[in-house]
Amino acid sequence: MVVRGRHLYDTQESKIVLRGVNLPLLDDWDFPTTDKLSELVKTGANAVRIEWYMDYHQPSRQPYTLENLDDFLNKCRRNQLIPILGLWDATSQTDINLLDALIPWWKSNAGLLNKQE
């Protein structure tokens, strides 16, 4: 994909208009057992914004891993959905140093992300 001006294009030079929703995977405490992606596919969406966390800070929730994220990104590909991954650890935070923690996460997981590119 490439951005030209304010438009996004695929490898066939077709303009893409993103249609989708936020999918707060980790707010659904059933993840990674379930992910609700099949319900999203029924809407006709072509993109999904994935709310992900380095650390969700909930010891009572089911654990999640980078492998779970990789599996979910693969599932997006199989369902022809464009995943838009975001780290939400800094949402509503005033501690600017938290951003210093987010950048290394992206760098340390570049292999996973490049594989999904």
PDB file of N, CA and C in Angstrom:
ATOM      1  N   MET A   1       0.839  -1.180   0.000  1.00  0.00           N
ATOM      2  CA  MET A   1       0.000   0.000   0.000  1.00  0.00           C
ATOM      3  C   MET A   1       0.877   1.234   0.000  1.00  0.00           C
ATOM      4  N   VAL A   2       0.323   2.291  -0.572  1.00  0.00           N
ATOM      5  CA  VAL A   2       1.059   3.543  -0.653  1.00  0.00           C
ATOM      6  C   VAL A   2       0.074   4.703  -0.488  1.00  0.00           C
ATOM      7  N   VAL A   3       0.547   5.754   0.119  1.00  0.00           N
ATOM      8  CA  VAL A   3      -0.257   6.966   0.267  1.00  0.00           C
ATOM      9  C   VAL A   3       0.215   7.971  -0.760  1.00  0.00           C
ATOM     10  N   ARG A   4      -0.725   8.515  -1.519  1.00  0.00           N
ATOM     11  CA  ARG A   4      -0.436   9.599  -2.467  1.00  0.00           C
ATOM     12  C   ARG A   4      -1.397  10.730  -2.137  1.00  0.00           C
ATOM     13  N   GLY A   5      -0.824  11.867  -1.736  1.00  0.00           N
ATOM     14  CA  GLY A   5      -1.682  12.960  -1.299  1.00  0.00           C
ATOM     15  C   GLY A   5      -2.421  12.532  -0.057  1.00  0.00           C
ATOM     16  N   ARG A   6      -3.735  12.531  -0.141  1.00  0.00           N
ATOM     17  CA  ARG A   6      -4.528  12.115   1.015  1.00  0.00           C
ATOM     18  C   ARG A   6      -5.222  10.770   0.805  1.00  0.00           C
ATOM     19  N   HIS A   7      -4.828  10.043  -0.254  1.00  0.00           N
ATOM     20  CA  HIS A   7      -5.476   8.780  -0.577  1.00  0.00           C
ATOM     21  C   HIS A   7      -4.525   7.600  -0.398  1.00  0.00           C
ATOM     22  N   LEU A   8      -5.114   6.464  -0.073  1.00  0.00           N
ATOM     23  CA  LEU A   8      -4.399   5.208   0.097  1.00  0.00           C
ATOM     24  C   LEU A   8      -4.682   4.330  -1.119  1.00  0.00           C
ATOM     25  N   TYR A   9      -3.628   3.695  -1.652  1.00  0.00           N
ATOM     26  CA  TYR A   9      -3.756   2.833  -2.828  1.00  0.00           C
ATOM     27  C   TYR A   9      -3.170   1.455  -2.540  1.00  0.00           C
ATOM     28  N   ASP A  10      -3.749   0.433  -3.141  1.00  0.00           N
ATOM     29  CA  ASP A  10      -3.199  -0.911  -3.009  1.00  0.00           C
ATOM     30  C   ASP A  10      -2.168  -1.169  -4.102  1.00  0.00           C
ATOM     31  N   THR A  11      -1.658  -2.376  -4.159  1.00  0.00           N
ATOM     32  CA  THR A  11      -0.611  -2.716  -5.129  1.00  0.00           C
ATOM     33  C   THR A  11      -1.119  -2.729  -6.565  1.00  0.00           C
ATOM     34  N   GLN A  12      -2.442  -2.736  -6.739  1.00  0.00           N
ATOM     35  CA  GLN A  12      -3.038  -2.701  -8.081  1.00  0.00           C
ATOM     36  C   GLN A  12      -3.395  -1.281  -8.499  1.00  0.00           C
ATOM     37  N   GLU A  13      -2.945  -0.296  -7.711  1.00  0.00           N
ATOM     38  CA  GLU A  13      -3.216   1.126  -7.967  1.00  0.00           C
ATOM     39  C   GLU A  13      -4.679   1.499  -7.767  1.00  0.00           C
ATOM     40  N   SER A  14      -5.436   0.671  -7.053  1.00  0.00           N
ATOM     41  CA  SER A  14      -6.826   0.988  -6.745  1.00  0.00           C
ATOM     42  C   SER A  14      -6.885   1.791  -5.453  1.00  0.00           C
ATOM     43  N   LYS A  15      -7.689   2.854  -5.464  1.00  0.00           N
ATOM     44  CA  LYS A  15      -7.852   3.665  -4.261  1.00  0.00           C
ATOM     45  C   LYS A  15      -8.636   2.862  -3.228  1.00  0.00           C
ATOM     46  N   ILE A  16      -8.181   2.941  -1.980  1.00  0.00           N
ATOM     47  CA  ILE A  16      -8.839   2.239  -0.882  1.00  0.00           C
ATOM     48  C   ILE A  16      -9.498   3.266   0.020  1.00  0.00           C
ATOM     49  N   VAL A  17     -10.752   3.038   0.299  1.00  0.00           N
ATOM     50  CA  VAL A  17     -11.466   3.825   1.299  1.00  0.00           C
ATOM     51  C   VAL A  17     -11.706   2.881   2.474  1.00  0.00           C
ATOM     52  N   LEU A  18     -11.083   3.207   3.602  1.00  0.00           N
ATOM     53  CA  LEU A  18     -11.193   2.331   4.764  1.00  0.00           C
ATOM     54  C   LEU A  18     -12.586   2.419   5.366  1.00  0.00           C
ATOM     55  N   ARG A  19     -13.165   1.242   5.613  1.00  0.00           N
ATOM     56  CA  ARG A  19     -14.452   1.114   6.280  1.00  0.00           C
ATOM     57  C   ARG A  19     -14.287   0.056   7.355  1.00  0.00           C
ATOM     58  N   GLY A  20     -14.456   0.456   8.583  1.00  0.00           N
ATOM     59  CA  GLY A  20     -14.287  -0.511   9.647  1.00  0.00           C
ATOM     60  C   GLY A  20     -14.627   0.057  11.004  1.00  0.00           C
ATOM     61  N   VAL A  21     -14.202  -0.658  12.007  1.00  0.00           N
ATOM     62  CA  VAL A  21     -14.486  -0.292  13.388  1.00  0.00           C
ATOM     63  C   VAL A  21     -13.258  -0.543  14.248  1.00  0.00           C
ATOM     64  N   ASN A  22     -13.321  -0.025  15.476  1.00  0.00           N
ATOM     65  CA  ASN A  22     -12.322  -0.388  16.477  1.00  0.00           C
ATOM     66  C   ASN A  22     -12.663  -1.769  17.004  1.00  0.00           C
ATOM     67  N   LEU A  23     -11.657  -2.569  17.236  1.00  0.00           N
ATOM     68  CA  LEU A  23     -11.872  -3.871  17.860  1.00  0.00           C
ATOM     69  C   LEU A  23     -10.987  -3.931  19.103  1.00  0.00           C
ATOM     70  N   PRO A  24     -11.565  -3.665  20.254  1.00  0.00           N
ATOM     71  CA  PRO A  24     -10.774  -3.679  21.484  1.00  0.00           C
ATOM     72  C   PRO A  24     -10.535  -5.114  21.960  1.00  0.00           C
ATOM     73  N   LEU A  25      -9.646  -5.797  21.270  1.00  0.00           N
ATOM     74  CA  LEU A  25      -9.383  -7.209  21.551  1.00  0.00           C
ATOM     75  C   LEU A  25      -9.149  -7.478  23.022  1.00  0.00           C
ATOM     76  N   LEU A  26      -8.302  -6.675  23.634  1.00  0.00           N
ATOM     77  CA  LEU A  26      -7.901  -6.979  25.003  1.00  0.00           C
ATOM     78  C   LEU A  26      -8.912  -6.493  26.032  1.00  0.00           C
ATOM     79  N   ASP A  27      -9.879  -5.689  25.600  1.00  0.00           N
ATOM     80  CA  ASP A  27     -10.968  -5.327  26.506  1.00  0.00           C
ATOM     81  C   ASP A  27     -11.991  -6.459  26.584  1.00  0.00           C
ATOM     82  N   ASP A  28     -11.952  -7.363  25.618  1.00  0.00           N
ATOM     83  CA  ASP A  28     -12.795  -8.555  25.636  1.00  0.00           C
ATOM     84  C   ASP A  28     -11.998  -9.636  26.357  1.00  0.00           C
ATOM     85  N   TRP A  29     -12.385  -9.908  27.552  1.00  0.00           N
ATOM     86  CA  TRP A  29     -11.581 -10.806  28.384  1.00  0.00           C
ATOM     87  C   TRP A  29     -11.604 -12.248  27.908  1.00  0.00           C
ATOM     88  N   ASP A  30     -12.329 -12.542  26.836  1.00  0.00           N
ATOM     89  CA  ASP A  30     -12.313 -13.888  26.264  1.00  0.00           C
ATOM     90  C   ASP A  30     -11.174 -14.067  25.264  1.00  0.00           C
ATOM     91  N   PHE A  31     -10.515 -12.969  24.869  1.00  0.00           N
ATOM     92  CA  PHE A  31      -9.389 -13.071  23.937  1.00  0.00           C
ATOM     93  C   PHE A  31      -8.214 -13.686  24.690  1.00  0.00           C
ATOM     94  N   PRO A  32      -7.486 -14.608  24.113  1.00  0.00           N
ATOM     95  CA  PRO A  32      -7.427 -15.004  22.708  1.00  0.00           C
ATOM     96  C   PRO A  32      -8.338 -16.158  22.313  1.00  0.00           C
ATOM     97  N   THR A  33      -9.151 -16.669  23.253  1.00  0.00           N
ATOM     98  CA  THR A  33     -10.042 -17.772  22.912  1.00  0.00           C
ATOM     99  C   THR A  33     -11.024 -17.370  21.821  1.00  0.00           C
ATOM    100  N   THR A  34     -11.575 -16.156  21.919  1.00  0.00           N
ATOM    101  CA  THR A  34     -12.456 -15.624  20.886  1.00  0.00           C
ATOM    102  C   THR A  34     -11.990 -14.217  20.535  1.00  0.00           C
ATOM    103  N   ASP A  35     -12.404 -13.725  19.363  1.00  0.00           N
ATOM    104  CA  ASP A  35     -11.948 -12.392  18.963  1.00  0.00           C
ATOM    105  C   ASP A  35     -13.025 -11.569  18.266  1.00  0.00           C
ATOM    106  N   LYS A  36     -14.195 -12.108  18.038  1.00  0.00           N
ATOM    107  CA  LYS A  36     -15.316 -11.382  17.425  1.00  0.00           C
ATOM    108  C   LYS A  36     -15.061 -10.945  15.984  1.00  0.00           C
ATOM    109  N   LEU A  37     -13.989 -11.396  15.364  1.00  0.00           N
ATOM    110  CA  LEU A  37     -13.680 -10.976  14.002  1.00  0.00           C
ATOM    111  C   LEU A  37     -14.749 -11.442  13.018  1.00  0.00           C
ATOM    112  N   SER A  38     -15.308 -12.610  13.228  1.00  0.00           N
ATOM    113  CA  SER A  38     -16.331 -13.107  12.303  1.00  0.00           C
ATOM    114  C   SER A  38     -17.547 -12.185  12.288  1.00  0.00           C
ATOM    115  N   GLU A  39     -17.858 -11.568  13.403  1.00  0.00           N
ATOM    116  CA  GLU A  39     -18.974 -10.613  13.448  1.00  0.00           C
ATOM    117  C   GLU A  39     -18.619  -9.355  12.662  1.00  0.00           C
ATOM    118  N   LEU A  40     -17.390  -8.909  12.765  1.00  0.00           N
ATOM    119  CA  LEU A  40     -16.942  -7.730  12.026  1.00  0.00           C
ATOM    120  C   LEU A  40     -17.000  -7.976  10.522  1.00  0.00           C
ATOM    121  N   VAL A  41     -16.599  -9.160  10.086  1.00  0.00           N
ATOM    122  CA  VAL A  41     -16.603  -9.498   8.661  1.00  0.00           C
ATOM    123  C   VAL A  41     -18.013  -9.363   8.085  1.00  0.00           C
ATOM    124  N   LYS A  42     -19.032  -9.706   8.860  1.00  0.00           N
ATOM    125  CA  LYS A  42     -20.420  -9.632   8.398  1.00  0.00           C
ATOM    126  C   LYS A  42     -20.846  -8.203   8.072  1.00  0.00           C
ATOM    127  N   THR A  43     -20.163  -7.206   8.600  1.00  0.00           N
ATOM    128  CA  THR A  43     -20.554  -5.808   8.382  1.00  0.00           C
ATOM    129  C   THR A  43     -20.120  -5.282   7.022  1.00  0.00           C
ATOM    130  N   GLY A  44     -19.228  -5.994   6.336  1.00  0.00           N
ATOM    131  CA  GLY A  44     -18.706  -5.505   5.064  1.00  0.00           C
ATOM    132  C   GLY A  44     -17.496  -4.597   5.244  1.00  0.00           C
ATOM    133  N   ALA A  45     -16.969  -4.538   6.439  1.00  0.00           N
ATOM    134  CA  ALA A  45     -15.788  -3.716   6.705  1.00  0.00           C
ATOM    135  C   ALA A  45     -14.601  -4.237   5.905  1.00  0.00           C
ATOM    136  N   ASN A  46     -13.673  -3.341   5.588  1.00  0.00           N
ATOM    137  CA  ASN A  46     -12.438  -3.763   4.926  1.00  0.00           C
ATOM    138  C   ASN A  46     -11.215  -3.470   5.795  1.00  0.00           C
ATOM    139  N   ALA A  47     -11.443  -2.896   7.001  1.00  0.00           N
ATOM    140  CA  ALA A  47     -10.342  -2.554   7.898  1.00  0.00           C
ATOM    141  C   ALA A  47     -10.793  -2.721   9.338  1.00  0.00           C
ATOM    142  N   VAL A  48      -9.825  -2.955  10.200  1.00  0.00           N
ATOM    143  CA  VAL A  48     -10.105  -3.068  11.628  1.00  0.00           C
ATOM    144  C   VAL A  48      -8.978  -2.392  12.400  1.00  0.00           C
ATOM    145  N   ARG A  49      -9.350  -1.478  13.282  1.00  0.00           N
ATOM    146  CA  ARG A  49      -8.360  -0.821  14.127  1.00  0.00           C
ATOM    147  C   ARG A  49      -8.247  -1.636  15.404  1.00  0.00           C
ATOM    148  N   ILE A  50      -7.048  -2.148  15.645  1.00  0.00           N
ATOM    149  CA  ILE A  50      -6.805  -3.070  16.747  1.00  0.00           C
ATOM    150  C   ILE A  50      -6.204  -2.322  17.924  1.00  0.00           C
ATOM    151  N   GLU A  51      -6.915  -2.343  19.028  1.00  0.00           N
ATOM    152  CA  GLU A  51      -6.404  -1.762  20.259  1.00  0.00           C
ATOM    153  C   GLU A  51      -5.572  -2.826  20.966  1.00  0.00           C
ATOM    154  N   TRP A  52      -4.269  -2.579  21.071  1.00  0.00           N
ATOM    155  CA  TRP A  52      -3.340  -3.530  21.685  1.00  0.00           C
ATOM    156  C   TRP A  52      -2.585  -2.831  22.808  1.00  0.00           C
ATOM    157  N   TYR A  53      -2.118  -3.590  23.754  1.00  0.00           N
ATOM    158  CA  TYR A  53      -1.368  -3.055  24.891  1.00  0.00           C
ATOM    159  C   TYR A  53      -0.093  -3.840  25.097  1.00  0.00           C
ATOM    160  N   MET A  54       0.976  -3.139  25.458  1.00  0.00           N
ATOM    161  CA  MET A  54       2.192  -3.830  25.885  1.00  0.00           C
ATOM    162  C   MET A  54       1.889  -4.568  27.184  1.00  0.00           C
ATOM    163  N   ASP A  55       1.178  -3.892  28.079  1.00  0.00           N
ATOM    164  CA  ASP A  55       0.830  -4.461  29.377  1.00  0.00           C
ATOM    165  C   ASP A  55      -0.552  -3.954  29.755  1.00  0.00           C
ATOM    166  N   TYR A  56      -1.498  -4.848  29.833  1.00  0.00           N
ATOM    167  CA  TYR A  56      -2.884  -4.466  30.100  1.00  0.00           C
ATOM    168  C   TYR A  56      -3.145  -4.174  31.578  1.00  0.00           C
ATOM    169  N   HIS A  57      -2.241  -4.564  32.443  1.00  0.00           N
ATOM    170  CA  HIS A  57      -2.328  -4.302  33.888  1.00  0.00           C
ATOM    171  C   HIS A  57      -3.573  -4.906  34.537  1.00  0.00           C
ATOM    172  N   GLN A  58      -3.939  -6.086  34.134  1.00  0.00           N
ATOM    173  CA  GLN A  58      -5.079  -6.768  34.740  1.00  0.00           C
ATOM    174  C   GLN A  58      -4.668  -8.202  35.062  1.00  0.00           C
ATOM    175  N   PRO A  59      -4.145  -8.436  36.278  1.00  0.00           N
ATOM    176  CA  PRO A  59      -3.668  -9.783  36.612  1.00  0.00           C
ATOM    177  C   PRO A  59      -4.755 -10.854  36.599  1.00  0.00           C
ATOM    178  N   SER A  60      -6.018 -10.457  36.705  1.00  0.00           N
ATOM    179  CA  SER A  60      -7.082 -11.454  36.744  1.00  0.00           C
ATOM    180  C   SER A  60      -7.563 -11.875  35.357  1.00  0.00           C
ATOM    181  N   ARG A  61      -7.053 -11.235  34.298  1.00  0.00           N
ATOM    182  CA  ARG A  61      -7.503 -11.574  32.952  1.00  0.00           C
ATOM    183  C   ARG A  61      -6.663 -12.698  32.352  1.00  0.00           C
ATOM    184  N   GLN A  62      -7.212 -13.312  31.352  1.00  0.00           N
ATOM    185  CA  GLN A  62      -6.506 -14.348  30.614  1.00  0.00           C
ATOM    186  C   GLN A  62      -5.275 -13.736  29.958  1.00  0.00           C
ATOM    187  N   PRO A  63      -4.119 -14.385  30.025  1.00  0.00           N
ATOM    188  CA  PRO A  63      -2.916 -13.808  29.402  1.00  0.00           C
ATOM    189  C   PRO A  63      -3.008 -13.802  27.877  1.00  0.00           C
ATOM    190  N   TYR A  64      -2.276 -12.897  27.257  1.00  0.00           N
ATOM    191  CA  TYR A  64      -2.189 -12.811  25.803  1.00  0.00           C
ATOM    192  C   TYR A  64      -0.721 -12.654  25.438  1.00  0.00           C
ATOM    193  N   THR A  65      -0.387 -13.033  24.207  1.00  0.00           N
ATOM    194  CA  THR A  65       1.013 -13.039  23.774  1.00  0.00           C
ATOM    195  C   THR A  65       1.142 -12.402  22.395  1.00  0.00           C
ATOM    196  N   LEU A  66       2.379 -12.191  21.992  1.00  0.00           N
ATOM    197  CA  LEU A  66       2.626 -11.714  20.624  1.00  0.00           C
ATOM    198  C   LEU A  66       2.200 -12.763  19.606  1.00  0.00           C
ATOM    199  N   GLU A  67       2.264 -14.028  19.965  1.00  0.00           N
ATOM    200  CA  GLU A  67       1.785 -15.075  19.065  1.00  0.00           C
ATOM    201  C   GLU A  67       0.276 -14.926  18.835  1.00  0.00           C
ATOM    202  N   ASN A  68      -0.452 -14.522  19.895  1.00  0.00           N
ATOM    203  CA  ASN A  68      -1.883 -14.271  19.725  1.00  0.00           C
ATOM    204  C   ASN A  68      -2.116 -13.135  18.739  1.00  0.00           C
ATOM    205  N   LEU A  69      -1.304 -12.100  18.840  1.00  0.00           N
ATOM    206  CA  LEU A  69      -1.412 -10.977  17.903  1.00  0.00           C
ATOM    207  C   LEU A  69      -1.090 -11.435  16.484  1.00  0.00           C
ATOM    208  N   ASP A  70      -0.029 -12.199  16.329  1.00  0.00           N
ATOM    209  CA  ASP A  70       0.356 -12.712  15.015  1.00  0.00           C
ATOM    210  C   ASP A  70      -0.768 -13.556  14.420  1.00  0.00           C
ATOM    211  N   ASP A  71      -1.361 -14.419  15.230  1.00  0.00           N
ATOM    212  CA  ASP A  71      -2.478 -15.246  14.759  1.00  0.00           C
ATOM    213  C   ASP A  71      -3.654 -14.378  14.323  1.00  0.00           C
ATOM    214  N   PHE A  72      -3.928 -13.334  15.098  1.00  0.00           N
ATOM    215  CA  PHE A  72      -5.046 -12.448  14.765  1.00  0.00           C
ATOM    216  C   PHE A  72      -4.766 -11.699  13.463  1.00  0.00           C
ATOM    217  N   LEU A  73      -3.540 -11.220  13.285  1.00  0.00           N
ATOM    218  CA  LEU A  73      -3.183 -10.526  12.038  1.00  0.00           C
ATOM    219  C   LEU A  73      -3.301 -11.465  10.843  1.00  0.00           C
ATOM    220  N   ASN A  74      -2.923 -12.731  11.024  1.00  0.00           N
ATOM    221  CA  ASN A  74      -3.104 -13.729   9.957  1.00  0.00           C
ATOM    222  C   ASN A  74      -4.590 -13.925   9.639  1.00  0.00           C
ATOM    223  N   LYS A  75      -5.401 -13.926  10.678  1.00  0.00           N
ATOM    224  CA  LYS A  75      -6.849 -14.086  10.482  1.00  0.00           C
ATOM    225  C   LYS A  75      -7.418 -12.882   9.733  1.00  0.00           C
ATOM    226  N   CYS A  76      -6.911 -11.700  10.026  1.00  0.00           N
ATOM    227  CA  CYS A  76      -7.335 -10.507   9.278  1.00  0.00           C
ATOM    228  C   CYS A  76      -7.017 -10.677   7.799  1.00  0.00           C
ATOM    229  N   ARG A  77      -5.812 -11.142   7.514  1.00  0.00           N
ATOM    230  CA  ARG A  77      -5.399 -11.335   6.117  1.00  0.00           C
ATOM    231  C   ARG A  77      -6.321 -12.333   5.413  1.00  0.00           C
ATOM    232  N   ARG A  78      -6.608 -13.456   6.081  1.00  0.00           N
ATOM    233  CA  ARG A  78      -7.486 -14.468   5.482  1.00  0.00           C
ATOM    234  C   ARG A  78      -8.883 -13.911   5.203  1.00  0.00           C
ATOM    235  N   ASN A  79      -9.305 -12.956   6.017  1.00  0.00           N
ATOM    236  CA  ASN A  79     -10.628 -12.352   5.854  1.00  0.00           C
ATOM    237  C   ASN A  79     -10.585 -11.062   5.046  1.00  0.00           C
ATOM    238  N   GLN A  80      -9.453 -10.780   4.427  1.00  0.00           N
ATOM    239  CA  GLN A  80      -9.253  -9.602   3.578  1.00  0.00           C
ATOM    240  C   GLN A  80      -9.582  -8.302   4.307  1.00  0.00           C
ATOM    241  N   LEU A  81      -9.139  -8.222   5.563  1.00  0.00           N
ATOM    242  CA  LEU A  81      -9.281  -7.018   6.366  1.00  0.00           C
ATOM    243  C   LEU A  81      -7.922  -6.367   6.549  1.00  0.00           C
ATOM    244  N   ILE A  82      -7.876  -5.070   6.439  1.00  0.00           N
ATOM    245  CA  ILE A  82      -6.641  -4.323   6.649  1.00  0.00           C
ATOM    246  C   ILE A  82      -6.530  -4.050   8.147  1.00  0.00           C
ATOM    247  N   PRO A  83      -5.538  -4.638   8.819  1.00  0.00           N
ATOM    248  CA  PRO A  83      -5.391  -4.377  10.251  1.00  0.00           C
ATOM    249  C   PRO A  83      -4.639  -3.068  10.490  1.00  0.00           C
ATOM    250  N   ILE A  84      -5.149  -2.263  11.403  1.00  0.00           N
ATOM    251  CA  ILE A  84      -4.497  -1.016  11.793  1.00  0.00           C
ATOM    252  C   ILE A  84      -4.197  -1.155  13.280  1.00  0.00           C
ATOM    253  N   LEU A  85      -2.952  -1.487  13.570  1.00  0.00           N
ATOM    254  CA  LEU A  85      -2.540  -1.810  14.930  1.00  0.00           C
ATOM    255  C   LEU A  85      -2.094  -0.565  15.673  1.00  0.00           C
ATOM    256  N   GLY A  86      -2.580  -0.414  16.887  1.00  0.00           N
ATOM    257  CA  GLY A  86      -2.157   0.694  17.730  1.00  0.00           C
ATOM    258  C   GLY A  86      -1.883   0.227  19.142  1.00  0.00           C
ATOM    259  N   LEU A  87      -0.894   0.827  19.765  1.00  0.00           N
ATOM    260  CA  LEU A  87      -0.641   0.584  21.190  1.00  0.00           C
ATOM    261  C   LEU A  87      -1.424   1.609  21.994  1.00  0.00           C
ATOM    262  N   TRP A  88      -2.188   1.141  22.949  1.00  0.00           N
ATOM    263  CA  TRP A  88      -3.085   2.008  23.705  1.00  0.00           C
ATOM    264  C   TRP A  88      -2.619   2.217  25.142  1.00  0.00           C
ATOM    265  N   ASP A  89      -1.416   1.806  25.472  1.00  0.00           N
ATOM    266  CA  ASP A  89      -0.930   1.958  26.848  1.00  0.00           C
ATOM    267  C   ASP A  89      -0.901   3.423  27.291  1.00  0.00           C
ATOM    268  N   ALA A  90      -0.679   4.338  26.376  1.00  0.00           N
ATOM    269  CA  ALA A  90      -0.545   5.753  26.732  1.00  0.00           C
ATOM    270  C   ALA A  90      -1.869   6.519  26.667  1.00  0.00           C
ATOM    271  N   THR A  91      -2.955   5.846  26.304  1.00  0.00           N
ATOM    272  CA  THR A  91      -4.240   6.519  26.201  1.00  0.00           C
ATOM    273  C   THR A  91      -4.637   7.124  27.544  1.00  0.00           C
ATOM    274  N   SER A  92      -4.983   8.392  27.506  1.00  0.00           N
ATOM    275  CA  SER A  92      -5.404   9.151  28.698  1.00  0.00           C
ATOM    276  C   SER A  92      -4.317   9.258  29.764  1.00  0.00           C
ATOM    277  N   GLN A  93      -3.085   9.052  29.389  1.00  0.00           N
ATOM    278  CA  GLN A  93      -1.981   9.168  30.335  1.00  0.00           C
ATOM    279  C   GLN A  93      -1.316  10.529  30.175  1.00  0.00           C
ATOM    280  N   THR A  94      -0.850  11.066  31.262  1.00  0.00           N
ATOM    281  CA  THR A  94      -0.140  12.345  31.215  1.00  0.00           C
ATOM    282  C   THR A  94       1.366  12.158  31.349  1.00  0.00           C
ATOM    283  N   ASP A  95       1.801  10.930  31.615  1.00  0.00           N
ATOM    284  CA  ASP A  95       3.229  10.642  31.782  1.00  0.00           C
ATOM    285  C   ASP A  95       3.874  10.519  30.405  1.00  0.00           C
ATOM    286  N   ILE A  96       4.549  11.566  29.974  1.00  0.00           N
ATOM    287  CA  ILE A  96       5.173  11.574  28.644  1.00  0.00           C
ATOM    288  C   ILE A  96       6.255  10.517  28.524  1.00  0.00           C
ATOM    289  N   ASN A  97       6.826  10.076  29.630  1.00  0.00           N
ATOM    290  CA  ASN A  97       7.860   9.039  29.586  1.00  0.00           C
ATOM    291  C   ASN A  97       7.307   7.707  29.106  1.00  0.00           C
ATOM    292  N   LEU A  98       6.004   7.537  29.192  1.00  0.00           N
ATOM    293  CA  LEU A  98       5.405   6.305  28.690  1.00  0.00           C
ATOM    294  C   LEU A  98       5.656   6.156  27.196  1.00  0.00           C
ATOM    295  N   LEU A  99       5.713   7.251  26.478  1.00  0.00           N
ATOM    296  CA  LEU A  99       6.012   7.181  25.046  1.00  0.00           C
ATOM    297  C   LEU A  99       7.394   6.598  24.802  1.00  0.00           C
ATOM    298  N   ASP A 100       8.319   6.855  25.713  1.00  0.00           N
ATOM    299  CA  ASP A 100       9.652   6.274  25.600  1.00  0.00           C
ATOM    300  C   ASP A 100       9.607   4.751  25.674  1.00  0.00           C
ATOM    301  N   ALA A 101       8.598   4.203  26.312  1.00  0.00           N
ATOM    302  CA  ALA A 101       8.437   2.751  26.389  1.00  0.00           C
ATOM    303  C   ALA A 101       7.757   2.192  25.142  1.00  0.00           C
ATOM    304  N   LEU A 102       6.909   2.987  24.500  1.00  0.00           N
ATOM    305  CA  LEU A 102       6.170   2.494  23.339  1.00  0.00           C
ATOM    306  C   LEU A 102       7.070   2.314  22.119  1.00  0.00           C
ATOM    307  N   ILE A 103       7.975   3.241  21.913  1.00  0.00           N
ATOM    308  CA  ILE A 103       8.853   3.179  20.737  1.00  0.00           C
ATOM    309  C   ILE A 103       9.695   1.909  20.732  1.00  0.00           C
ATOM    310  N   PRO A 104      10.326   1.528  21.855  1.00  0.00           N
ATOM    311  CA  PRO A 104      11.079   0.267  21.841  1.00  0.00           C
ATOM    312  C   PRO A 104      10.211  -0.959  21.559  1.00  0.00           C
ATOM    313  N   TRP A 105       8.933  -0.932  21.976  1.00  0.00           N
ATOM    314  CA  TRP A 105       8.054  -2.060  21.674  1.00  0.00           C
ATOM    315  C   TRP A 105       7.928  -2.228  20.173  1.00  0.00           C
ATOM    316  N   TRP A 106       7.676  -1.120  19.458  1.00  0.00           N
ATOM    317  CA  TRP A 106       7.555  -1.185  17.997  1.00  0.00           C
ATOM    318  C   TRP A 106       8.844  -1.691  17.380  1.00  0.00           C
ATOM    319  N   LYS A 107       9.981  -1.199  17.869  1.00  0.00           N
ATOM    320  CA  LYS A 107      11.275  -1.622  17.317  1.00  0.00           C
ATOM    321  C   LYS A 107      11.551  -3.096  17.606  1.00  0.00           C
ATOM    322  N   SER A 108      11.277  -3.535  18.819  1.00  0.00           N
ATOM    323  CA  SER A 108      11.591  -4.918  19.175  1.00  0.00           C
ATOM    324  C   SER A 108      10.666  -5.922  18.498  1.00  0.00           C
ATOM    325  N   ASN A 109       9.531  -5.462  18.018  1.00  0.00           N
ATOM    326  CA  ASN A 109       8.587  -6.356  17.337  1.00  0.00           C
ATOM    327  C   ASN A 109       8.521  -6.096  15.836  1.00  0.00           C
ATOM    328  N   ALA A 110       9.532  -5.450  15.317  1.00  0.00           N
ATOM    329  CA  ALA A 110       9.579  -5.140  13.882  1.00  0.00           C
ATOM    330  C   ALA A 110       9.525  -6.411  13.028  1.00  0.00           C
ATOM    331  N   GLY A 111      10.141  -7.488  13.498  1.00  0.00           N
ATOM    332  CA  GLY A 111      10.124  -8.737  12.736  1.00  0.00           C
ATOM    333  C   GLY A 111       8.713  -9.262  12.532  1.00  0.00           C
ATOM    334  N   LEU A 112       7.932  -9.254  13.589  1.00  0.00           N
ATOM    335  CA  LEU A 112       6.538  -9.691  13.494  1.00  0.00           C
ATOM    336  C   LEU A 112       5.753  -8.778  12.569  1.00  0.00           C
ATOM    337  N   LEU A 113       5.953  -7.496  12.725  1.00  0.00           N
ATOM    338  CA  LEU A 113       5.205  -6.531  11.919  1.00  0.00           C
ATOM    339  C   LEU A 113       5.618  -6.574  10.445  1.00  0.00           C
ATOM    340  N   ASN A 114       6.909  -6.698  10.187  1.00  0.00           N
ATOM    341  CA  ASN A 114       7.375  -6.781   8.794  1.00  0.00           C
ATOM    342  C   ASN A 114       6.880  -8.059   8.124  1.00  0.00           C
ATOM    343  N   LYS A 115       6.768  -9.137   8.884  1.00  0.00           N
ATOM    344  CA  LYS A 115       6.246 -10.390   8.337  1.00  0.00           C
ATOM    345  C   LYS A 115       4.805 -10.211   7.881  1.00  0.00           C
ATOM    346  N   GLN A 116       4.079  -9.377   8.574  1.00  0.00           N
ATOM    347  CA  GLN A 116       2.662  -9.162   8.260  1.00  0.00           C
ATOM    348  C   GLN A 116       2.453  -8.077   7.203  1.00  0.00           C
ATOM    349  N   GLU A 117       3.488  -7.357   6.855  1.00  0.00           N
ATOM    350  CA  GLU A 117       3.359  -6.224   5.936  1.00  0.00           C
ATOM    351  C   GLU A 117       2.746  -6.618   4.603  1.00  0.00           C
TER     352      GLU A 117
END
